Amino acid sequence: MLDGTGRHGVAYLSPDRGTVWREAATAANHQWPDGPAGYGATTSFLREAAMAEALAAPADGAALIAAFLRPPLLHGAGPTLYTAAYRPEGGRADFLWPEGGWSFSMDGFEPGARERDLPR
């Protein structure tokens, strides 16, 4: 979650446990931050660590987005098909992949669809 002031956090939700809130600027698709032994070696935790490293390095927005469009953060045919850049100050979200992207505005949302051939 991200608001217009830059406050951010991650809520982990699952049907068999209570909500876990973590103040973090990154999230990956793992089920909980304190999973069973060995769970931390999965690629979702490796991707989240790579995101935190990319955010900690000095870079402009274009360089940061470029880092998110390369492995290990983007897999193409794997678990991560695109990256998203949320811009709360402008009320915008950009969903990006190496060949292009799709931008949405809170002020003028227009529904649509995109098709993409996935590498094998």
PDB file of N, CA and C in Angstrom:
ATOM      1  N   MET A   1       0.841  -1.162   0.000  1.00  0.00           N
ATOM      2  CA  MET A   1       0.000   0.000   0.000  1.00  0.00           C
ATOM      3  C   MET A   1       0.888   1.227   0.000  1.00  0.00           C
ATOM      4  N   LEU A   2       0.407   2.272  -0.676  1.00  0.00           N
ATOM      5  CA  LEU A   2       1.153   3.514  -0.791  1.00  0.00           C
ATOM      6  C   LEU A   2       0.153   4.650  -0.855  1.00  0.00           C
ATOM      7  N   ASP A   3       0.385   5.696  -0.065  1.00  0.00           N
ATOM      8  CA  ASP A   3      -0.532   6.830  -0.129  1.00  0.00           C
ATOM      9  C   ASP A   3       0.168   8.043  -0.716  1.00  0.00           C
ATOM     10  N   GLY A   4      -0.567   9.106  -0.891  1.00  0.00           N
ATOM     11  CA  GLY A   4      -0.056  10.319  -1.517  1.00  0.00           C
ATOM     12  C   GLY A   4       1.050  11.014  -0.752  1.00  0.00           C
ATOM     13  N   THR A   5       1.236  10.692   0.513  1.00  0.00           N
ATOM     14  CA  THR A   5       2.307  11.309   1.299  1.00  0.00           C
ATOM     15  C   THR A   5       3.602  10.505   1.225  1.00  0.00           C
ATOM     16  N   GLY A   6       3.555   9.320   0.597  1.00  0.00           N
ATOM     17  CA  GLY A   6       4.727   8.464   0.524  1.00  0.00           C
ATOM     18  C   GLY A   6       4.775   7.393   1.603  1.00  0.00           C
ATOM     19  N   ARG A   7       3.795   7.391   2.517  1.00  0.00           N
ATOM     20  CA  ARG A   7       3.739   6.313   3.517  1.00  0.00           C
ATOM     21  C   ARG A   7       3.433   5.012   2.791  1.00  0.00           C
ATOM     22  N   HIS A   8       4.064   3.935   3.244  1.00  0.00           N
ATOM     23  CA  HIS A   8       3.893   2.665   2.548  1.00  0.00           C
ATOM     24  C   HIS A   8       3.948   1.507   3.538  1.00  0.00           C
ATOM     25  N   GLY A   9       3.433   0.372   3.094  1.00  0.00           N
ATOM     26  CA  GLY A   9       3.447  -0.835   3.901  1.00  0.00           C
ATOM     27  C   GLY A   9       2.884  -1.999   3.122  1.00  0.00           C
ATOM     28  N   VAL A  10       3.037  -3.190   3.705  1.00  0.00           N
ATOM     29  CA  VAL A  10       2.571  -4.420   3.077  1.00  0.00           C
ATOM     30  C   VAL A  10       1.667  -5.137   4.066  1.00  0.00           C
ATOM     31  N   ALA A  11       0.502  -5.559   3.601  1.00  0.00           N
ATOM     32  CA  ALA A  11      -0.409  -6.367   4.418  1.00  0.00           C
ATOM     33  C   ALA A  11      -0.423  -7.773   3.843  1.00  0.00           C
ATOM     34  N   TYR A  12      -0.077  -8.751   4.678  1.00  0.00           N
ATOM     35  CA  TYR A  12      -0.137 -10.152   4.286  1.00  0.00           C
ATOM     36  C   TYR A  12      -1.474 -10.704   4.762  1.00  0.00           C
ATOM     37  N   LEU A  13      -2.257 -11.228   3.817  1.00  0.00           N
ATOM     38  CA  LEU A  13      -3.585 -11.742   4.122  1.00  0.00           C
ATOM     39  C   LEU A  13      -3.655 -13.216   3.756  1.00  0.00           C
ATOM     40  N   SER A  14      -4.282 -14.003   4.590  1.00  0.00           N
ATOM     41  CA  SER A  14      -4.526 -15.404   4.264  1.00  0.00           C
ATOM     42  C   SER A  14      -5.733 -15.870   5.074  1.00  0.00           C
ATOM     43  N   PRO A  15      -6.433 -16.896   4.577  1.00  0.00           N
ATOM     44  CA  PRO A  15      -7.653 -17.324   5.260  1.00  0.00           C
ATOM     45  C   PRO A  15      -7.409 -18.011   6.600  1.00  0.00           C
ATOM     46  N   ASP A  16      -6.197 -18.526   6.837  1.00  0.00           N
ATOM     47  CA  ASP A  16      -5.968 -19.295   8.055  1.00  0.00           C
ATOM     48  C   ASP A  16      -5.141 -18.565   9.112  1.00  0.00           C
ATOM     49  N   ARG A  17      -4.856 -17.273   8.940  1.00  0.00           N
ATOM     50  CA  ARG A  17      -4.140 -16.484   9.950  1.00  0.00           C
ATOM     51  C   ARG A  17      -4.639 -15.044   9.907  1.00  0.00           C
ATOM     52  N   GLY A  18      -4.298 -14.335  10.933  1.00  0.00           N
ATOM     53  CA  GLY A  18      -4.639 -12.921  10.975  1.00  0.00           C
ATOM     54  C   GLY A  18      -3.770 -12.119  10.020  1.00  0.00           C
ATOM     55  N   THR A  19      -4.191 -10.907   9.768  1.00  0.00           N
ATOM     56  CA  THR A  19      -3.428 -10.018   8.905  1.00  0.00           C
ATOM     57  C   THR A  19      -2.105  -9.664   9.566  1.00  0.00           C
ATOM     58  N   VAL A  20      -1.035  -9.702   8.784  1.00  0.00           N
ATOM     59  CA  VAL A  20       0.283  -9.297   9.244  1.00  0.00           C
ATOM     60  C   VAL A  20       0.643  -8.027   8.487  1.00  0.00           C
ATOM     61  N   TRP A  21       0.952  -6.954   9.208  1.00  0.00           N
ATOM     62  CA  TRP A  21       1.316  -5.675   8.610  1.00  0.00           C
ATOM     63  C   TRP A  21       2.811  -5.462   8.765  1.00  0.00           C
ATOM     64  N   ARG A  22       3.454  -5.038   7.689  1.00  0.00           N
ATOM     65  CA  ARG A  22       4.887  -4.773   7.730  1.00  0.00           C
ATOM     66  C   ARG A  22       5.144  -3.451   7.033  1.00  0.00           C
ATOM     67  N   GLU A  23       5.861  -2.560   7.694  1.00  0.00           N
ATOM     68  CA  GLU A  23       6.232  -1.301   7.053  1.00  0.00           C
ATOM     69  C   GLU A  23       7.395  -1.582   6.122  1.00  0.00           C
ATOM     70  N   ALA A  24       7.093  -1.640   4.832  1.00  0.00           N
ATOM     71  CA  ALA A  24       8.095  -1.942   3.822  1.00  0.00           C
ATOM     72  C   ALA A  24       7.699  -1.254   2.522  1.00  0.00           C
ATOM     73  N   ALA A  25       8.683  -0.956   1.714  1.00  0.00           N
ATOM     74  CA  ALA A  25       8.429  -0.313   0.424  1.00  0.00           C
ATOM     75  C   ALA A  25       8.331  -1.332  -0.707  1.00  0.00           C
ATOM     76  N   THR A  26       8.594  -2.607  -0.411  1.00  0.00           N
ATOM     77  CA  THR A  26       8.565  -3.634  -1.445  1.00  0.00           C
ATOM     78  C   THR A  26       7.706  -4.806  -1.002  1.00  0.00           C
ATOM     79  N   ALA A  27       7.215  -5.545  -1.978  1.00  0.00           N
ATOM     80  CA  ALA A  27       6.452  -6.759  -1.691  1.00  0.00           C
ATOM     81  C   ALA A  27       6.639  -7.730  -2.840  1.00  0.00           C
ATOM     82  N   ALA A  28       6.665  -8.990  -2.510  1.00  0.00           N
ATOM     83  CA  ALA A  28       6.696 -10.051  -3.517  1.00  0.00           C
ATOM     84  C   ALA A  28       5.584 -11.026  -3.162  1.00  0.00           C
ATOM     85  N   ASN A  29       5.293 -11.908  -4.046  1.00  0.00           N
ATOM     86  CA  ASN A  29       4.149 -12.792  -3.860  1.00  0.00           C
ATOM     87  C   ASN A  29       4.507 -14.016  -3.022  1.00  0.00           C
ATOM     88  N   HIS A  30       4.858 -13.777  -1.744  1.00  0.00           N
ATOM     89  CA  HIS A  30       4.969 -14.904  -0.837  1.00  0.00           C
ATOM     90  C   HIS A  30       3.840 -14.804   0.182  1.00  0.00           C
ATOM     91  N   GLN A  31       3.543 -15.904   0.789  1.00  0.00           N
ATOM     92  CA  GLN A  31       2.341 -15.979   1.599  1.00  0.00           C
ATOM     93  C   GLN A  31       2.463 -15.333   2.965  1.00  0.00           C
ATOM     94  N   TRP A  32       3.638 -15.307   3.547  1.00  0.00           N
ATOM     95  CA  TRP A  32       3.808 -14.698   4.857  1.00  0.00           C
ATOM     96  C   TRP A  32       5.298 -14.445   5.077  1.00  0.00           C
ATOM     97  N   PRO A  33       5.638 -13.440   5.862  1.00  0.00           N
ATOM     98  CA  PRO A  33       7.052 -13.090   6.046  1.00  0.00           C
ATOM     99  C   PRO A  33       7.808 -14.028   6.980  1.00  0.00           C
ATOM    100  N   ASP A  34       7.124 -14.883   7.720  1.00  0.00           N
ATOM    101  CA  ASP A  34       7.788 -15.766   8.680  1.00  0.00           C
ATOM    102  C   ASP A  34       7.449 -17.224   8.384  1.00  0.00           C
ATOM    103  N   GLY A  35       7.590 -17.610   7.111  1.00  0.00           N
ATOM    104  CA  GLY A  35       7.206 -18.948   6.678  1.00  0.00           C
ATOM    105  C   GLY A  35       8.017 -20.045   7.330  1.00  0.00           C
ATOM    106  N   PRO A  36       7.673 -21.295   7.033  1.00  0.00           N
ATOM    107  CA  PRO A  36       8.360 -22.427   7.638  1.00  0.00           C
ATOM    108  C   PRO A  36       9.833 -22.478   7.237  1.00  0.00           C
ATOM    109  N   ALA A  37      10.614 -23.253   7.962  1.00  0.00           N
ATOM    110  CA  ALA A  37      12.050 -23.382   7.690  1.00  0.00           C
ATOM    111  C   ALA A  37      12.271 -23.718   6.223  1.00  0.00           C
ATOM    112  N   GLY A  38      13.207 -23.035   5.601  1.00  0.00           N
ATOM    113  CA  GLY A  38      13.516 -23.271   4.197  1.00  0.00           C
ATOM    114  C   GLY A  38      12.686 -22.444   3.248  1.00  0.00           C
ATOM    115  N   TYR A  39      11.588 -21.903   3.728  1.00  0.00           N
ATOM    116  CA  TYR A  39      10.713 -21.137   2.844  1.00  0.00           C
ATOM    117  C   TYR A  39      11.401 -19.873   2.345  1.00  0.00           C
ATOM    118  N   GLY A  40      12.301 -19.299   3.152  1.00  0.00           N
ATOM    119  CA  GLY A  40      12.987 -18.069   2.772  1.00  0.00           C
ATOM    120  C   GLY A  40      13.889 -18.217   1.572  1.00  0.00           C
ATOM    121  N   ALA A  41      14.180 -19.431   1.143  1.00  0.00           N
ATOM    122  CA  ALA A  41      15.043 -19.646  -0.010  1.00  0.00           C
ATOM    123  C   ALA A  41      14.267 -19.598  -1.318  1.00  0.00           C
ATOM    124  N   THR A  42      12.947 -19.430  -1.269  1.00  0.00           N
ATOM    125  CA  THR A  42      12.169 -19.388  -2.500  1.00  0.00           C
ATOM    126  C   THR A  42      12.469 -18.125  -3.272  1.00  0.00           C
ATOM    127  N   THR A  43      12.126 -18.123  -4.543  1.00  0.00           N
ATOM    128  CA  THR A  43      12.452 -16.978  -5.388  1.00  0.00           C
ATOM    129  C   THR A  43      11.712 -15.713  -4.980  1.00  0.00           C
ATOM    130  N   SER A  44      10.564 -15.815  -4.355  1.00  0.00           N
ATOM    131  CA  SER A  44       9.855 -14.596  -3.958  1.00  0.00           C
ATOM    132  C   SER A  44      10.669 -13.797  -2.946  1.00  0.00           C
ATOM    133  N   PHE A  45      11.331 -14.469  -2.016  1.00  0.00           N
ATOM    134  CA  PHE A  45      12.159 -13.754  -1.048  1.00  0.00           C
ATOM    135  C   PHE A  45      13.418 -13.204  -1.708  1.00  0.00           C
ATOM    136  N   LEU A  46      13.968 -13.926  -2.666  1.00  0.00           N
ATOM    137  CA  LEU A  46      15.135 -13.421  -3.397  1.00  0.00           C
ATOM    138  C   LEU A  46      14.761 -12.185  -4.210  1.00  0.00           C
ATOM    139  N   ARG A  47      13.582 -12.208  -4.841  1.00  0.00           N
ATOM    140  CA  ARG A  47      13.125 -11.033  -5.600  1.00  0.00           C
ATOM    141  C   ARG A  47      12.898  -9.848  -4.677  1.00  0.00           C
ATOM    142  N   GLU A  48      12.312 -10.092  -3.519  1.00  0.00           N
ATOM    143  CA  GLU A  48      12.068  -8.984  -2.597  1.00  0.00           C
ATOM    144  C   GLU A  48      13.383  -8.379  -2.121  1.00  0.00           C
ATOM    145  N   ALA A  49      14.399  -9.202  -1.861  1.00  0.00           N
ATOM    146  CA  ALA A  49      15.710  -8.690  -1.468  1.00  0.00           C
ATOM    147  C   ALA A  49      16.334  -7.873  -2.603  1.00  0.00           C
ATOM    148  N   ALA A  50      16.178  -8.319  -3.837  1.00  0.00           N
ATOM    149  CA  ALA A  50      16.712  -7.576  -4.985  1.00  0.00           C
ATOM    150  C   ALA A  50      15.992  -6.233  -5.140  1.00  0.00           C
ATOM    151  N   MET A  51      14.692  -6.194  -4.856  1.00  0.00           N
ATOM    152  CA  MET A  51      13.953  -4.925  -4.909  1.00  0.00           C
ATOM    153  C   MET A  51      14.478  -3.952  -3.869  1.00  0.00           C
ATOM    154  N   ALA A  52      14.670  -4.429  -2.649  1.00  0.00           N
ATOM    155  CA  ALA A  52      15.174  -3.560  -1.584  1.00  0.00           C
ATOM    156  C   ALA A  52      16.562  -3.032  -1.935  1.00  0.00           C
ATOM    157  N   GLU A  53      17.390  -3.882  -2.533  1.00  0.00           N
ATOM    158  CA  GLU A  53      18.731  -3.455  -2.945  1.00  0.00           C
ATOM    159  C   GLU A  53      18.647  -2.390  -4.040  1.00  0.00           C
ATOM    160  N   ALA A  54      17.758  -2.581  -5.009  1.00  0.00           N
ATOM    161  CA  ALA A  54      17.597  -1.597  -6.085  1.00  0.00           C
ATOM    162  C   ALA A  54      17.106  -0.264  -5.534  1.00  0.00           C
ATOM    163  N   LEU A  55      16.184  -0.296  -4.573  1.00  0.00           N
ATOM    164  CA  LEU A  55      15.673   0.943  -3.982  1.00  0.00           C
ATOM    165  C   LEU A  55      16.725   1.655  -3.135  1.00  0.00           C
ATOM    166  N   ALA A  56      17.644   0.898  -2.539  1.00  0.00           N
ATOM    167  CA  ALA A  56      18.675   1.495  -1.678  1.00  0.00           C
ATOM    168  C   ALA A  56      19.790   2.145  -2.484  1.00  0.00           C
ATOM    169  N   ALA A  57      19.985   1.709  -3.722  1.00  0.00           N
ATOM    170  CA  ALA A  57      21.058   2.269  -4.556  1.00  0.00           C
ATOM    171  C   ALA A  57      20.614   3.613  -5.131  1.00  0.00           C
ATOM    172  N   PRO A  58      21.524   4.592  -5.180  1.00  0.00           N
ATOM    173  CA  PRO A  58      21.140   5.873  -5.768  1.00  0.00           C
ATOM    174  C   PRO A  58      20.856   5.698  -7.265  1.00  0.00           C
ATOM    175  N   ALA A  59      19.670   6.095  -7.682  1.00  0.00           N
ATOM    176  CA  ALA A  59      19.289   5.978  -9.092  1.00  0.00           C
ATOM    177  C   ALA A  59      18.108   6.894  -9.362  1.00  0.00           C
ATOM    178  N   ASP A  60      17.999   7.321 -10.612  1.00  0.00           N
ATOM    179  CA  ASP A  60      16.812   8.088 -10.980  1.00  0.00           C
ATOM    180  C   ASP A  60      15.686   7.103 -11.297  1.00  0.00           C
ATOM    181  N   GLY A  61      14.508   7.623 -11.569  1.00  0.00           N
ATOM    182  CA  GLY A  61      13.351   6.769 -11.800  1.00  0.00           C
ATOM    183  C   GLY A  61      13.528   5.816 -12.966  1.00  0.00           C
ATOM    184  N   ALA A  62      14.138   6.292 -14.070  1.00  0.00           N
ATOM    185  CA  ALA A  62      14.321   5.441 -15.243  1.00  0.00           C
ATOM    186  C   ALA A  62      15.283   4.288 -14.939  1.00  0.00           C
ATOM    187  N   ALA A  63      16.358   4.562 -14.203  1.00  0.00           N
ATOM    188  CA  ALA A  63      17.318   3.501 -13.852  1.00  0.00           C
ATOM    189  C   ALA A  63      16.683   2.498 -12.906  1.00  0.00           C
ATOM    190  N   LEU A  64      15.870   2.973 -11.993  1.00  0.00           N
ATOM    191  CA  LEU A  64      15.205   2.075 -11.060  1.00  0.00           C
ATOM    192  C   LEU A  64      14.226   1.162 -11.792  1.00  0.00           C
ATOM    193  N   ILE A  65      13.440   1.728 -12.692  1.00  0.00           N
ATOM    194  CA  ILE A  65      12.506   0.911 -13.472  1.00  0.00           C
ATOM    195  C   ILE A  65      13.271  -0.092 -14.322  1.00  0.00           C
ATOM    196  N   ALA A  66      14.403   0.307 -14.914  1.00  0.00           N
ATOM    197  CA  ALA A  66      15.216  -0.621 -15.716  1.00  0.00           C
ATOM    198  C   ALA A  66      15.673  -1.804 -14.864  1.00  0.00           C
ATOM    199  N   ALA A  67      16.043  -1.555 -13.599  1.00  0.00           N
ATOM    200  CA  ALA A  67      16.460  -2.645 -12.706  1.00  0.00           C
ATOM    201  C   ALA A  67      15.311  -3.612 -12.457  1.00  0.00           C
ATOM    202  N   PHE A  68      14.096  -3.094 -12.387  1.00  0.00           N
ATOM    203  CA  PHE A  68      12.937  -3.946 -12.138  1.00  0.00           C
ATOM    204  C   PHE A  68      12.522  -4.738 -13.376  1.00  0.00           C
ATOM    205  N   LEU A  69      13.048  -4.370 -14.535  1.00  0.00           N
ATOM    206  CA  LEU A  69      12.709  -5.067 -15.778  1.00  0.00           C
ATOM    207  C   LEU A  69      13.787  -6.070 -16.192  1.00  0.00           C
ATOM    208  N   ARG A  70      14.688  -6.409 -15.263  1.00  0.00           N
ATOM    209  CA  ARG A  70      15.736  -7.410 -15.499  1.00  0.00           C
ATOM    210  C   ARG A  70      15.631  -8.499 -14.434  1.00  0.00           C
ATOM    211  N   PRO A  71      16.106  -9.711 -14.777  1.00  0.00           N
ATOM    212  CA  PRO A  71      16.180 -10.753 -13.740  1.00  0.00           C
ATOM    213  C   PRO A  71      17.116 -10.301 -12.617  1.00  0.00           C
ATOM    214  N   PRO A  72      16.887 -10.682 -11.394  1.00  0.00           N
ATOM    215  CA  PRO A  72      15.904 -11.669 -10.947  1.00  0.00           C
ATOM    216  C   PRO A  72      14.513 -11.089 -10.722  1.00  0.00           C
ATOM    217  N   LEU A  73      14.337  -9.777 -10.912  1.00  0.00           N
ATOM    218  CA  LEU A  73      13.028  -9.196 -10.615  1.00  0.00           C
ATOM    219  C   LEU A  73      11.993  -9.514 -11.681  1.00  0.00           C
ATOM    220  N   LEU A  74      12.382  -9.553 -12.926  1.00  0.00           N
ATOM    221  CA  LEU A  74      11.445  -9.891 -13.990  1.00  0.00           C
ATOM    222  C   LEU A  74      11.875 -11.217 -14.598  1.00  0.00           C
ATOM    223  N   HIS A  75      10.931 -12.137 -14.719  1.00  0.00           N
ATOM    224  CA  HIS A  75      11.258 -13.448 -15.254  1.00  0.00           C
ATOM    225  C   HIS A  75      10.650 -13.690 -16.625  1.00  0.00           C
ATOM    226  N   GLY A  76       9.690 -12.912 -17.043  1.00  0.00           N
ATOM    227  CA  GLY A  76       9.069 -13.111 -18.345  1.00  0.00           C
ATOM    228  C   GLY A  76       8.094 -14.268 -18.363  1.00  0.00           C
ATOM    229  N   ALA A  77       8.599 -15.488 -18.316  1.00  0.00           N
ATOM    230  CA  ALA A  77       7.731 -16.664 -18.320  1.00  0.00           C
ATOM    231  C   ALA A  77       7.561 -17.217 -16.913  1.00  0.00           C
ATOM    232  N   GLY A  78       8.277 -16.654 -15.962  1.00  0.00           N
ATOM    233  CA  GLY A  78       8.243 -17.155 -14.597  1.00  0.00           C
ATOM    234  C   GLY A  78       7.186 -16.469 -13.777  1.00  0.00           C
ATOM    235  N   PRO A  79       7.418 -16.379 -12.484  1.00  0.00           N
ATOM    236  CA  PRO A  79       6.379 -15.851 -11.607  1.00  0.00           C
ATOM    237  C   PRO A  79       6.142 -14.348 -11.770  1.00  0.00           C
ATOM    238  N   THR A  80       7.088 -13.611 -12.326  1.00  0.00           N
ATOM    239  CA  THR A  80       6.918 -12.170 -12.456  1.00  0.00           C
ATOM    240  C   THR A  80       6.856 -11.805 -13.931  1.00  0.00           C
ATOM    241  N   LEU A  81       5.701 -11.317 -14.384  1.00  0.00           N
ATOM    242  CA  LEU A  81       5.488 -11.011 -15.792  1.00  0.00           C
ATOM    243  C   LEU A  81       5.630  -9.532 -16.114  1.00  0.00           C
ATOM    244  N   TYR A  82       5.513  -8.670 -15.110  1.00  0.00           N
ATOM    245  CA  TYR A  82       5.599  -7.232 -15.329  1.00  0.00           C
ATOM    246  C   TYR A  82       6.033  -6.586 -14.020  1.00  0.00           C
ATOM    247  N   THR A  83       6.335  -5.304 -14.091  1.00  0.00           N
ATOM    248  CA  THR A  83       6.579  -4.539 -12.875  1.00  0.00           C
ATOM    249  C   THR A  83       5.612  -3.357 -12.874  1.00  0.00           C
ATOM    250  N   ALA A  84       5.401  -2.790 -11.729  1.00  0.00           N
ATOM    251  CA  ALA A  84       4.474  -1.664 -11.611  1.00  0.00           C
ATOM    252  C   ALA A  84       5.179  -0.493 -10.948  1.00  0.00           C
ATOM    253  N   ALA A  85       4.936   0.693 -11.471  1.00  0.00           N
ATOM    254  CA  ALA A  85       5.444   1.930 -10.871  1.00  0.00           C
ATOM    255  C   ALA A  85       4.223   2.742 -10.451  1.00  0.00           C
ATOM    256  N   TYR A  86       4.045   2.884  -9.147  1.00  0.00           N
ATOM    257  CA  TYR A  86       2.913   3.636  -8.620  1.00  0.00           C
ATOM    258  C   TYR A  86       3.367   5.058  -8.353  1.00  0.00           C
ATOM    259  N   ARG A  87       2.605   6.018  -8.829  1.00  0.00           N
ATOM    260  CA  ARG A  87       2.946   7.429  -8.716  1.00  0.00           C
ATOM    261  C   ARG A  87       1.802   8.173  -8.023  1.00  0.00           C
ATOM    262  N   PRO A  88       1.734   8.059  -6.682  1.00  0.00           N
ATOM    263  CA  PRO A  88       0.599   8.643  -5.970  1.00  0.00           C
ATOM    264  C   PRO A  88       0.497  10.155  -6.116  1.00  0.00           C
ATOM    265  N   GLU A  89       1.640  10.833  -6.265  1.00  0.00           N
ATOM    266  CA  GLU A  89       1.589  12.291  -6.393  1.00  0.00           C
ATOM    267  C   GLU A  89       0.864  12.730  -7.659  1.00  0.00           C
ATOM    268  N   GLY A  90       0.876  11.893  -8.693  1.00  0.00           N
ATOM    269  CA  GLY A  90       0.174  12.208  -9.931  1.00  0.00           C
ATOM    270  C   GLY A  90      -1.075  11.379 -10.133  1.00  0.00           C
ATOM    271  N   GLY A  91      -1.409  10.526  -9.150  1.00  0.00           N
ATOM    272  CA  GLY A  91      -2.594   9.687  -9.271  1.00  0.00           C
ATOM    273  C   GLY A  91      -2.492   8.714 -10.437  1.00  0.00           C
ATOM    274  N   ARG A  92      -1.302   8.100 -10.606  1.00  0.00           N
ATOM    275  CA  ARG A  92      -1.052   7.261 -11.767  1.00  0.00           C
ATOM    276  C   ARG A  92      -0.371   5.957 -11.376  1.00  0.00           C
ATOM    277  N   ALA A  93      -0.609   4.939 -12.174  1.00  0.00           N
ATOM    278  CA  ALA A  93       0.094   3.659 -12.048  1.00  0.00           C
ATOM    279  C   ALA A  93       0.521   3.218 -13.443  1.00  0.00           C
ATOM    280  N   ASP A  94       1.768   2.786 -13.559  1.00  0.00           N
ATOM    281  CA  ASP A  94       2.293   2.282 -14.825  1.00  0.00           C
ATOM    282  C   ASP A  94       2.638   0.809 -14.647  1.00  0.00           C
ATOM    283  N   PHE A  95       2.107  -0.029 -15.509  1.00  0.00           N
ATOM    284  CA  PHE A  95       2.417  -1.456 -15.511  1.00  0.00           C
ATOM    285  C   PHE A  95       3.336  -1.683 -16.703  1.00  0.00           C
ATOM    286  N   LEU A  96       4.540  -2.211 -16.441  1.00  0.00           N
ATOM    287  CA  LEU A  96       5.605  -2.218 -17.436  1.00  0.00           C
ATOM    288  C   LEU A  96       6.168  -3.606 -17.680  1.00  0.00           C
ATOM    289  N   TRP A  97       6.540  -3.879 -18.902  1.00  0.00           N
ATOM    290  CA  TRP A  97       7.290  -5.060 -19.282  1.00  0.00           C
ATOM    291  C   TRP A  97       8.308  -4.593 -20.310  1.00  0.00           C
ATOM    292  N   PRO A  98       9.312  -5.396 -20.650  1.00  0.00           N
ATOM    293  CA  PRO A  98      10.386  -4.900 -21.506  1.00  0.00           C
ATOM    294  C   PRO A  98       9.935  -4.329 -22.850  1.00  0.00           C
ATOM    295  N   GLU A  99       8.866  -4.860 -23.423  1.00  0.00           N
ATOM    296  CA  GLU A  99       8.424  -4.377 -24.735  1.00  0.00           C
ATOM    297  C   GLU A  99       7.466  -3.207 -24.669  1.00  0.00           C
ATOM    298  N   GLY A 100       7.093  -2.748 -23.512  1.00  0.00           N
ATOM    299  CA  GLY A 100       6.129  -1.655 -23.456  1.00  0.00           C
ATOM    300  C   GLY A 100       5.517  -1.514 -22.086  1.00  0.00           C
ATOM    301  N   GLY A 101       4.345  -0.921 -22.060  1.00  0.00           N
ATOM    302  CA  GLY A 101       3.684  -0.715 -20.790  1.00  0.00           C
ATOM    303  C   GLY A 101       2.253  -0.263 -20.973  1.00  0.00           C
ATOM    304  N   TRP A 102       1.616   0.015 -19.844  1.00  0.00           N
ATOM    305  CA  TRP A 102       0.219   0.435 -19.828  1.00  0.00           C
ATOM    306  C   TRP A 102       0.055   1.355 -18.642  1.00  0.00           C
ATOM    307  N   SER A 103      -0.366   2.573 -18.881  1.00  0.00           N
ATOM    308  CA  SER A 103      -0.515   3.565 -17.813  1.00  0.00           C
ATOM    309  C   SER A 103      -1.979   3.793 -17.495  1.00  0.00           C
ATOM    310  N   PHE A 104      -2.239   4.006 -16.212  1.00  0.00           N
ATOM    311  CA  PHE A 104      -3.591   4.281 -15.736  1.00  0.00           C
ATOM    312  C   PHE A 104      -3.577   5.557 -14.915  1.00  0.00           C
ATOM    313  N   SER A 105      -4.649   6.322 -15.027  1.00  0.00           N
ATOM    314  CA  SER A 105      -4.807   7.542 -14.253  1.00  0.00           C
ATOM    315  C   SER A 105      -6.045   7.425 -13.374  1.00  0.00           C
ATOM    316  N   MET A 106      -5.935   7.901 -12.140  1.00  0.00           N
ATOM    317  CA  MET A 106      -7.098   7.919 -11.255  1.00  0.00           C
ATOM    318  C   MET A 106      -8.150   8.887 -11.774  1.00  0.00           C
ATOM    319  N   ASP A 107      -7.721   9.916 -12.493  1.00  0.00           N
ATOM    320  CA  ASP A 107      -8.652  10.925 -12.989  1.00  0.00           C
ATOM    321  C   ASP A 107      -9.395  10.509 -14.248  1.00  0.00           C
ATOM    322  N   GLY A 108      -8.816   9.591 -15.020  1.00  0.00           N
ATOM    323  CA  GLY A 108      -9.445   9.212 -16.277  1.00  0.00           C
ATOM    324  C   GLY A 108      -9.257   7.748 -16.598  1.00  0.00           C
ATOM    325  N   PHE A 109      -9.631   6.874 -15.671  1.00  0.00           N
ATOM    326  CA  PHE A 109      -9.446   5.442 -15.883  1.00  0.00           C
ATOM    327  C   PHE A 109     -10.296   4.966 -17.038  1.00  0.00           C
ATOM    328  N   GLU A 110      -9.670   4.204 -17.928  1.00  0.00           N
ATOM    329  CA  GLU A 110     -10.387   3.584 -19.038  1.00  0.00           C
ATOM    330  C   GLU A 110     -10.084   2.093 -19.029  1.00  0.00           C
ATOM    331  N   PRO A 111     -11.108   1.246 -18.885  1.00  0.00           N
ATOM    332  CA  PRO A 111     -10.864  -0.193 -18.888  1.00  0.00           C
ATOM    333  C   PRO A 111     -10.335  -0.648 -20.244  1.00  0.00           C
ATOM    334  N   GLY A 112      -9.631  -1.756 -20.243  1.00  0.00           N
ATOM    335  CA  GLY A 112      -9.091  -2.296 -21.478  1.00  0.00           C
ATOM    336  C   GLY A 112      -8.443  -3.636 -21.230  1.00  0.00           C
ATOM    337  N   ALA A 113      -7.760  -4.136 -22.226  1.00  0.00           N
ATOM    338  CA  ALA A 113      -7.076  -5.424 -22.120  1.00  0.00           C
ATOM    339  C   ALA A 113      -5.782  -5.361 -22.919  1.00  0.00           C
ATOM    340  N   ARG A 114      -4.822  -6.152 -22.495  1.00  0.00           N
ATOM    341  CA  ARG A 114      -3.545  -6.295 -23.199  1.00  0.00           C
ATOM    342  C   ARG A 114      -3.255  -7.780 -23.331  1.00  0.00           C
ATOM    343  N   GLU A 115      -2.691  -8.162 -24.464  1.00  0.00           N
ATOM    344  CA  GLU A 115      -2.250  -9.532 -24.662  1.00  0.00           C
ATOM    345  C   GLU A 115      -0.751  -9.513 -24.868  1.00  0.00           C
ATOM    346  N   ARG A 116      -0.101 -10.547 -24.347  1.00  0.00           N
ATOM    347  CA  ARG A 116       1.347 -10.629 -24.472  1.00  0.00           C
ATOM    348  C   ARG A 116       1.742 -12.080 -24.686  1.00  0.00           C
ATOM    349  N   ASP A 117       2.602 -12.324 -25.671  1.00  0.00           N
ATOM    350  CA  ASP A 117       3.149 -13.665 -25.874  1.00  0.00           C
ATOM    351  C   ASP A 117       4.257 -13.870 -24.869  1.00  0.00           C
ATOM    352  N   LEU A 118       4.192 -14.964 -24.128  1.00  0.00           N
ATOM    353  CA  LEU A 118       5.188 -15.252 -23.108  1.00  0.00           C
ATOM    354  C   LEU A 118       6.294 -16.129 -23.688  1.00  0.00           C
ATOM    355  N   PRO A 119       7.539 -15.869 -23.284  1.00  0.00           N
ATOM    356  CA  PRO A 119       8.629 -16.751 -23.731  1.00  0.00           C
ATOM    357  C   PRO A 119       8.429 -18.146 -23.163  1.00  0.00           C
ATOM    358  N   ARG A 120       8.925 -19.112 -23.857  1.00  0.00           N
ATOM    359  CA  ARG A 120       8.803 -20.499 -23.381  1.00  0.00           C
ATOM    360  C   ARG A 120      10.052 -20.935 -22.701  1.00  0.00           C
TER     361      ARG A 120
END
